[in-house]
Amino acid sequence: MQNINSITNAYLVVENGLIADFGPMSECPSLNFETKNLEGKWLMPGFVDSHTHAVFASARHQEFVMRIQGKTYVEIANEGGGILNSAKKLREMDEELLYQKALVHMNNAMACGTAVMEIKSGYGLSTDAEIKILRVIKRLKNTLPIKILSTFLGAHAIPAEYKENRQAYIDLIINDMLPVIAKENLADFMDVFCDFGFFTPEETDLLLKAAKQYGIKAKIHGNELGISGGVQVAVKNNALSVDHLEHIGQEEIDCLLNSETMPVALPGSSFFLKIPYTPCRQMIDAGLPVAIASDFNPGSSPHFNLWFTWSLACLYNGMLPNEGFNALTINASKALGLEKEYGSITKGKKAAFITTRAFDSINEMPYWFSMNHCLENYL
């Protein structure tokens, strides 16, 4: 988590969108193609945002005021806010407008140095609306230079119309949504909100096994509201990651230590909702790798600036700056199964990197909290 290699006064060669070579300038080969002088700047891998909900209809600023007035996440949801509020607005929105709104967010995220982004559905909660979101994500994939992965999160909440028959909604996901999503190749991953008041470990296991039949890999929202069994069901289903983990005990840490599942902390959510922060220091000291992500969404983390995420992780999750850097790059790539393509300056990997001004130390980057240090994003 702390190891970072660097070269002062270096060269880097890009061919066909891949990193072909790099090293100290004293070993720089003769170059007979276009060059760019980055003297006085730092070059580092672009950020990987492994958990976002970047396609949504509108902001939820009224809930922001409700939280300031002291209402909890659950109380807001019970008054018609939360995920169901976003779902209602999205169902009513035209697909083209939804795409244009998402495009604005994506361009802003790229300007902050994000080179890879995962985007979830989950604000539709009906077959048509979930498919609409995933089609917007697919269109973003095809039009933007950033690497985008899509996650089907139909199991984000139980819609109001299924409140008295939750099994019917689970059946709808399995029998109606998943076949269409698989046929149109709309999802790289399947996610489930496995937590108190949402989906049980047993329901989560059922849903992930159904997705696996279509070759769709698992990811999990877990342990945001309590120790819910989300970690255990994630490991059981070989999930690439289990995200949130604001509540975690030794049993969960031991479970993750014996798995390939990457734990992902979302400090932006903790900051905005004023809930506990994932105990990253405890997890790292126990031997776990950790990734961090923005959780960009309109309800609990309306930000996409991963520099700020890095600062929060240092200030409140107990991460050292080097650990935060690795959590946003190579470990975040692992959380998406992309560690062989992104997340480090390595020969053969994608040439997805950013430049910044020269700092005295990497420690200075998260020190300047909330600032965007990205000068250029090479995608």
Protein backbone atom coordinates (compact mmCIF):
# COMPACT_ATOMS: atom_id res chain seq x y z
CA MET A 1 0.00 0.00 0.00
CA GLN A 2 2.89 2.42 0.66
CA ASN A 3 5.32 1.47 -2.10
CA ILE A 4 5.56 3.96 -4.97
CA ASN A 5 8.36 3.96 -7.54
CA SER A 6 9.36 7.18 -9.28
CA ILE A 7 11.95 8.48 -11.73
CA THR A 8 13.24 12.06 -11.78
CA ASN A 9 14.04 13.52 -15.23
CA ALA A 10 12.43 10.76 -17.21
CA TYR A 11 11.11 9.89 -20.66
CA LEU A 12 8.01 7.92 -21.66
CA VAL A 13 7.20 6.50 -25.10
CA VAL A 14 3.64 5.88 -26.27
CA GLU A 15 2.84 3.78 -29.35
CA ASN A 16 -0.66 2.86 -30.52
CA GLY A 17 -2.20 4.04 -27.27
CA LEU A 18 0.06 1.85 -25.09
CA ILE A 19 3.08 2.61 -22.93
CA ALA A 20 5.95 1.26 -25.03
CA ASP A 21 8.91 2.33 -22.92
CA PHE A 22 10.02 4.60 -20.08
CA GLY A 23 13.10 5.30 -18.00
CA PRO A 24 15.65 7.98 -17.02
CA MET A 25 16.55 10.56 -19.68
CA SER A 26 20.14 9.30 -19.64
CA GLU A 27 18.82 6.12 -21.31
CA CYS A 28 16.36 7.81 -23.67
CA PRO A 29 16.49 6.25 -27.16
CA SER A 30 16.65 8.30 -30.34
CA LEU A 31 13.15 9.55 -31.05
CA ASN A 32 12.06 10.09 -34.63
CA PHE A 33 8.45 10.87 -33.89
CA GLU A 34 6.40 13.57 -32.19
CA THR A 35 7.63 14.64 -28.77
CA LYS A 36 6.16 16.70 -25.94
CA ASN A 37 8.27 18.48 -23.34
CA LEU A 38 6.87 18.10 -19.82
CA GLU A 39 9.77 19.73 -18.02
CA GLY A 40 8.73 21.08 -14.64
CA LYS A 41 5.71 18.76 -14.43
CA TRP A 42 4.90 15.44 -12.83
CA LEU A 43 3.40 12.56 -14.81
CA MET A 44 1.39 9.86 -13.04
CA PRO A 45 -1.28 7.26 -13.88
CA GLY A 46 -4.78 8.63 -14.31
CA PHE A 47 -7.23 8.00 -11.51
CA VAL A 48 -9.57 5.01 -11.54
CA ASP A 49 -13.02 5.71 -10.08
CA SER A 50 -14.35 2.23 -9.34
CA HIS A 51 -17.73 3.19 -7.86
CA THR A 52 -20.08 5.86 -9.24
CA HIS A 53 -23.76 6.46 -10.05
CA ALA A 54 -22.99 9.15 -12.62
CA VAL A 55 -26.20 8.76 -14.68
CA PHE A 56 -29.09 10.37 -12.81
CA ALA A 57 -31.96 12.72 -13.56
CA SER A 58 -31.43 15.57 -11.12
CA ALA A 59 -29.80 16.76 -7.91
CA ARG A 60 -31.38 16.08 -4.50
CA HIS A 61 -30.54 19.38 -2.87
CA GLN A 62 -33.80 19.43 -0.92
CA GLU A 63 -32.57 16.36 0.97
CA PHE A 64 -29.32 18.20 1.67
CA VAL A 65 -31.37 20.75 3.59
CA MET A 66 -33.29 17.99 5.40
CA ARG A 67 -30.00 16.49 6.58
CA ILE A 68 -28.83 19.88 7.85
CA GLN A 69 -32.08 19.98 9.83
CA GLY A 70 -31.12 16.71 11.48
CA LYS A 71 -33.06 14.07 9.55
CA THR A 72 -31.36 10.71 8.97
CA TYR A 73 -30.90 8.78 5.71
CA VAL A 74 -33.71 6.41 6.72
CA GLU A 75 -36.06 9.23 7.75
CA ILE A 76 -35.50 11.00 4.42
CA ALA A 77 -36.23 7.77 2.54
CA ASN A 78 -39.42 7.25 4.55
CA GLU A 79 -40.58 10.74 3.48
CA GLY A 80 -40.22 9.91 -0.20
CA GLY A 81 -36.59 10.89 -0.62
CA GLY A 82 -33.52 8.80 -1.27
CA ILE A 83 -33.12 6.25 -4.04
CA LEU A 84 -36.87 6.06 -4.75
CA ASN A 85 -36.94 9.82 -5.31
CA SER A 86 -34.18 9.53 -7.92
CA ALA A 87 -35.98 6.60 -9.54
CA LYS A 88 -39.23 8.54 -9.91
CA LYS A 89 -37.48 11.46 -11.63
CA LEU A 90 -35.42 9.24 -13.90
CA ARG A 91 -38.39 7.24 -15.12
CA GLU A 92 -39.95 10.50 -16.31
CA MET A 93 -36.83 11.78 -18.10
CA ASP A 94 -36.12 11.42 -21.81
CA GLU A 95 -33.09 9.26 -22.63
CA GLU A 96 -31.39 11.98 -24.68
CA LEU A 97 -31.63 14.50 -21.86
CA LEU A 98 -30.32 11.90 -19.42
CA TYR A 99 -27.32 11.36 -21.71
CA GLN A 100 -26.62 15.10 -22.02
CA LYS A 101 -26.71 15.54 -18.25
CA ALA A 102 -24.32 12.62 -17.75
CA LEU A 103 -21.99 13.99 -20.41
CA VAL A 104 -21.50 17.19 -18.38
CA HIS A 105 -20.55 15.17 -15.30
CA MET A 106 -18.17 12.95 -17.26
CA ASN A 107 -16.33 15.87 -18.84
CA ASN A 108 -15.88 17.46 -15.42
CA ALA A 109 -14.57 14.19 -13.97
CA MET A 110 -12.07 13.81 -16.80
CA ALA A 111 -10.86 17.36 -16.16
CA CYS A 112 -10.06 16.25 -12.60
CA GLY A 113 -7.81 13.43 -13.84
CA THR A 114 -10.17 10.47 -13.96
CA ALA A 115 -9.09 8.00 -16.66
CA VAL A 116 -11.40 5.09 -15.83
CA MET A 117 -14.92 5.19 -14.40
CA GLU A 118 -17.42 2.55 -13.40
CA ILE A 119 -21.06 3.70 -13.67
CA LYS A 120 -24.01 1.92 -12.08
CA SER A 121 -27.67 1.85 -12.94
CA GLY A 122 -30.05 1.55 -10.00
CA TYR A 123 -32.04 4.77 -10.29
CA GLY A 124 -34.66 3.17 -12.52
CA LEU A 125 -35.99 0.20 -10.54
CA SER A 126 -38.16 -0.92 -13.45
CA THR A 127 -37.20 -2.89 -16.52
CA ASP A 128 -37.59 0.02 -18.95
CA ALA A 129 -35.86 2.57 -16.73
CA GLU A 130 -32.92 0.33 -15.81
CA ILE A 131 -32.38 -0.52 -19.47
CA LYS A 132 -32.57 3.20 -20.28
CA ILE A 133 -29.74 3.98 -17.85
CA LEU A 134 -27.57 1.15 -19.14
CA ARG A 135 -28.11 2.27 -22.74
CA VAL A 136 -26.99 5.77 -21.76
CA ILE A 137 -23.87 4.29 -20.17
CA LYS A 138 -23.20 2.28 -23.33
CA ARG A 139 -23.51 5.45 -25.40
CA LEU A 140 -21.03 7.20 -23.09
CA LYS A 141 -18.66 4.26 -23.59
CA ASN A 142 -18.85 4.71 -27.33
CA THR A 143 -18.41 8.50 -27.41
CA LEU A 144 -15.88 9.39 -24.69
CA PRO A 145 -12.13 8.71 -24.58
CA ILE A 146 -12.35 7.65 -20.94
CA LYS A 147 -12.58 3.93 -20.14
CA ILE A 148 -16.09 3.22 -18.81
CA LEU A 149 -17.49 0.06 -17.27
CA SER A 150 -21.19 -0.48 -16.62
CA THR A 151 -22.79 -2.10 -13.61
CA PHE A 152 -26.39 -3.29 -13.38
CA LEU A 153 -27.74 -2.27 -9.96
CA GLY A 154 -31.42 -3.02 -10.35
CA ALA A 155 -31.19 -4.39 -6.81
CA HIS A 156 -30.53 -0.92 -5.38
CA ALA A 157 -33.81 -0.76 -3.45
CA ILE A 158 -37.29 -2.29 -3.45
CA PRO A 159 -39.61 -0.02 -5.51
CA ALA A 160 -42.65 1.34 -3.71
CA GLU A 161 -45.03 -0.72 -5.84
CA TYR A 162 -43.31 -3.94 -4.66
CA LYS A 163 -43.09 -3.01 -0.99
CA GLU A 164 -45.55 -5.73 -0.01
CA ASN A 165 -44.11 -8.33 -2.39
CA ARG A 166 -40.32 -7.97 -2.55
CA GLN A 167 -39.90 -11.47 -4.03
CA ALA A 168 -41.88 -10.36 -7.09
CA TYR A 169 -39.33 -7.58 -7.70
CA ILE A 170 -36.44 -10.00 -7.27
CA ASP A 171 -38.13 -12.28 -9.80
CA LEU A 172 -38.52 -9.31 -12.16
CA ILE A 173 -34.77 -8.64 -11.99
CA ILE A 174 -33.91 -12.27 -12.64
CA ASN A 175 -36.55 -13.15 -15.24
CA ASP A 176 -37.11 -9.85 -17.09
CA MET A 177 -34.17 -7.48 -16.63
CA LEU A 178 -31.16 -9.79 -16.73
CA PRO A 179 -32.06 -11.58 -20.01
CA VAL A 180 -32.42 -8.25 -21.88
CA ILE A 181 -29.26 -6.82 -20.33
CA ALA A 182 -27.28 -9.91 -21.26
CA LYS A 183 -28.68 -10.02 -24.80
CA GLU A 184 -27.77 -6.36 -25.44
CA ASN A 185 -24.43 -6.68 -23.62
CA LEU A 186 -25.29 -3.74 -21.38
CA ALA A 187 -23.50 -4.67 -18.16
CA ASP A 188 -19.97 -5.62 -17.20
CA PHE A 189 -20.98 -6.26 -13.58
CA MET A 190 -23.98 -6.97 -11.34
CA ASP A 191 -24.23 -5.13 -8.02
CA VAL A 192 -26.62 -5.56 -5.09
CA PHE A 193 -27.22 -3.25 -2.11
CA CYS A 194 -26.80 -5.87 0.61
CA ASP A 195 -27.63 -3.97 3.78
CA PHE A 196 -30.26 -3.46 6.46
CA GLY A 197 -33.55 -2.34 4.95
CA PHE A 198 -32.48 -3.26 1.42
CA PHE A 199 -31.47 -6.78 0.29
CA THR A 200 -30.57 -9.67 2.59
CA PRO A 201 -27.47 -11.85 2.09
CA GLU A 202 -29.73 -14.68 0.93
CA GLU A 203 -31.44 -12.46 -1.66
CA THR A 204 -28.06 -11.08 -2.73
CA ASP A 205 -26.67 -14.57 -3.23
CA LEU A 206 -29.67 -15.52 -5.36
CA LEU A 207 -29.32 -12.42 -7.55
CA LEU A 208 -25.57 -12.77 -8.06
CA LYS A 209 -25.90 -16.43 -8.98
CA ALA A 210 -28.52 -15.49 -11.58
CA ALA A 211 -26.15 -12.90 -13.08
CA LYS A 212 -23.30 -15.41 -13.14
CA GLN A 213 -25.33 -17.63 -15.47
CA TYR A 214 -25.02 -14.82 -18.03
CA GLY A 215 -21.29 -14.36 -17.40
CA ILE A 216 -21.81 -11.09 -15.48
CA LYS A 217 -19.31 -10.65 -12.62
CA ALA A 218 -20.31 -9.63 -9.11
CA LYS A 219 -19.80 -6.44 -7.10
CA ILE A 220 -21.44 -5.57 -3.76
CA HIS A 221 -22.67 -2.56 -1.79
CA GLY A 222 -22.19 -3.81 1.77
CA ASN A 223 -21.96 -2.86 5.42
CA GLU A 224 -22.84 0.82 4.97
CA LEU A 225 -25.59 0.78 7.59
CA GLY A 226 -24.26 -2.03 9.78
CA ILE A 227 -22.51 -5.40 9.70
CA SER A 228 -24.96 -6.90 7.24
CA GLY A 229 -23.26 -10.03 5.89
CA GLY A 230 -22.33 -8.17 2.70
CA VAL A 231 -18.65 -9.07 2.98
CA GLN A 232 -19.31 -12.78 3.37
CA VAL A 233 -21.73 -12.99 0.45
CA ALA A 234 -19.31 -10.96 -1.71
CA VAL A 235 -16.45 -13.36 -1.01
CA LYS A 236 -18.75 -16.37 -1.46
CA ASN A 237 -19.61 -15.12 -4.97
CA ASN A 238 -16.01 -14.13 -5.88
CA ALA A 239 -17.06 -10.50 -6.21
CA LEU A 240 -14.41 -8.19 -7.63
CA SER A 241 -15.11 -5.74 -4.83
CA VAL A 242 -17.23 -5.05 -1.79
CA ASP A 243 -17.82 -1.32 -1.39
CA HIS A 244 -18.69 0.99 1.54
CA LEU A 245 -17.64 -1.04 4.63
CA GLU A 246 -18.30 1.78 7.07
CA HIS A 247 -19.00 -1.03 9.51
CA ILE A 248 -16.54 -3.91 9.60
CA GLY A 249 -15.23 -6.29 12.24
CA GLN A 250 -12.41 -8.80 12.56
CA GLU A 251 -14.56 -11.57 11.09
CA GLU A 252 -15.07 -9.54 7.91
CA ILE A 253 -11.38 -8.61 7.72
CA ASP A 254 -10.36 -12.26 8.05
CA CYS A 255 -12.87 -13.20 5.37
CA LEU A 256 -11.40 -10.63 2.96
CA LEU A 257 -7.82 -11.66 3.74
CA ASN A 258 -8.60 -15.10 2.34
CA SER A 259 -10.17 -13.82 -0.87
CA GLU A 260 -9.55 -11.97 -4.13
CA THR A 261 -12.30 -9.43 -3.32
CA MET A 262 -11.04 -5.83 -3.10
CA PRO A 263 -12.47 -3.73 -0.24
CA VAL A 264 -13.43 -0.24 -1.45
CA ALA A 265 -13.94 2.72 0.87
CA LEU A 266 -16.13 5.66 -0.10
CA PRO A 267 -15.09 8.59 2.10
CA GLY A 268 -17.20 11.10 0.15
CA SER A 269 -20.37 9.38 1.37
CA SER A 270 -19.19 9.39 4.97
CA PHE A 271 -18.32 13.08 4.69
CA PHE A 272 -21.63 14.13 3.13
CA LEU A 273 -23.89 11.93 5.27
CA LYS A 274 -21.85 12.40 8.44
CA ILE A 275 -21.69 8.65 9.05
CA PRO A 276 -18.68 6.59 10.18
CA TYR A 277 -15.67 6.31 7.90
CA THR A 278 -14.38 2.93 6.73
CA PRO A 279 -11.55 1.96 9.14
CA CYS A 280 -8.90 1.75 6.42
CA ARG A 281 -6.00 2.05 8.86
CA GLN A 282 -7.19 -1.02 10.75
CA MET A 283 -7.74 -2.92 7.49
CA ILE A 284 -4.34 -2.04 6.01
CA ASP A 285 -2.53 -2.85 9.25
CA ALA A 286 -4.25 -6.26 9.17
CA GLY A 287 -2.72 -6.88 5.73
CA LEU A 288 -5.59 -5.94 3.43
CA PRO A 289 -5.26 -3.88 0.26
CA VAL A 290 -7.83 -1.09 0.00
CA ALA A 291 -9.21 0.98 -2.88
CA ILE A 292 -11.10 4.27 -2.63
CA ALA A 293 -13.69 5.78 -4.97
CA SER A 294 -15.91 8.85 -5.22
CA ASP A 295 -19.35 7.17 -5.02
CA PHE A 296 -20.48 10.10 -7.19
CA ASN A 297 -24.29 10.25 -6.90
CA PRO A 298 -26.98 12.88 -6.26
CA GLY A 299 -28.00 11.74 -2.80
CA SER A 300 -24.99 10.85 -0.67
CA SER A 301 -21.83 11.92 -2.51
CA PRO A 302 -22.42 14.66 -5.11
CA HIS A 303 -18.78 15.04 -6.14
CA PHE A 304 -16.39 13.48 -8.66
CA ASN A 305 -13.11 15.13 -7.61
CA LEU A 306 -10.84 12.22 -6.67
CA TRP A 307 -8.22 14.62 -5.32
CA PHE A 308 -10.77 15.45 -2.61
CA THR A 309 -11.47 11.74 -2.09
CA TRP A 310 -7.73 11.25 -1.55
CA SER A 311 -7.63 14.06 1.04
CA LEU A 312 -10.63 12.67 2.90
CA ALA A 313 -9.07 9.19 2.96
CA CYS A 314 -5.94 10.62 4.56
CA LEU A 315 -7.78 12.82 7.05
CA TYR A 316 -10.56 10.48 8.14
CA ASN A 317 -9.85 6.91 6.92
CA GLY A 318 -6.33 6.97 8.35
CA MET A 319 -4.52 6.45 5.05
CA LEU A 320 -1.03 7.79 4.42
CA PRO A 321 -0.67 9.79 1.16
CA ASN A 322 1.17 6.96 -0.62
CA GLU A 323 -1.56 4.53 0.39
CA GLY A 324 -4.24 6.88 -0.92
CA PHE A 325 -2.41 7.17 -4.24
CA ASN A 326 -2.29 3.39 -4.67
CA ALA A 327 -5.92 3.14 -3.55
CA LEU A 328 -6.94 5.45 -6.43
CA THR A 329 -4.81 3.81 -9.09
CA ILE A 330 -3.58 0.21 -9.07
CA ASN A 331 -5.93 -1.04 -6.32
CA ALA A 332 -8.92 0.68 -7.89
CA SER A 333 -8.01 -1.01 -11.18
CA LYS A 334 -8.03 -4.35 -9.38
CA ALA A 335 -11.53 -3.57 -8.08
CA LEU A 336 -12.65 -3.46 -11.73
CA GLY A 337 -10.53 -6.34 -13.02
CA LEU A 338 -8.40 -3.89 -15.01
CA GLU A 339 -5.11 -4.12 -13.12
CA LYS A 340 -3.31 -5.48 -16.21
CA GLU A 341 -4.38 -2.47 -18.31
CA TYR A 342 -4.61 0.57 -16.01
CA GLY A 343 -3.44 1.95 -12.70
CA SER A 344 0.33 2.27 -13.13
CA ILE A 345 3.06 3.42 -15.51
CA THR A 346 3.94 -0.02 -16.85
CA LYS A 347 5.09 -1.20 -20.29
CA GLY A 348 2.16 -2.62 -22.22
CA LYS A 349 -0.52 -0.85 -20.20
CA LYS A 350 -2.86 1.79 -21.60
CA ALA A 351 -1.34 5.23 -21.96
CA ALA A 352 -3.82 6.78 -19.55
CA PHE A 353 -1.96 9.31 -17.44
CA ILE A 354 -2.15 12.85 -16.13
CA THR A 355 0.30 15.68 -15.54
CA THR A 356 0.48 18.00 -12.55
CA ARG A 357 2.76 20.78 -11.45
CA ALA A 358 5.95 19.68 -9.72
CA PHE A 359 5.40 19.15 -5.99
CA ASP A 360 7.96 18.97 -3.22
CA SER A 361 6.52 15.57 -2.29
CA ILE A 362 3.53 13.38 -3.09
CA ASN A 363 2.38 14.20 0.45
CA GLU A 364 1.55 17.69 -0.79
CA MET A 365 -1.17 16.50 -3.19
CA PRO A 366 -3.81 15.50 -0.60
CA TYR A 367 -2.60 18.30 1.69
CA TRP A 368 -4.17 20.87 -0.67
CA PHE A 369 -7.62 19.44 -0.05
CA SER A 370 -10.38 19.98 -2.63
CA MET A 371 -7.98 21.36 -5.26
CA ASN A 372 -7.79 19.89 -8.76
CA HIS A 373 -4.09 19.39 -9.52
CA CYS A 374 -4.61 17.91 -13.00
CA LEU A 375 -3.06 20.05 -15.75
CA GLU A 376 -3.72 17.62 -18.62
CA ASN A 377 -5.42 14.24 -18.88
CA TYR A 378 -3.96 11.95 -21.58
CA LEU A 379 -6.48 9.28 -22.52
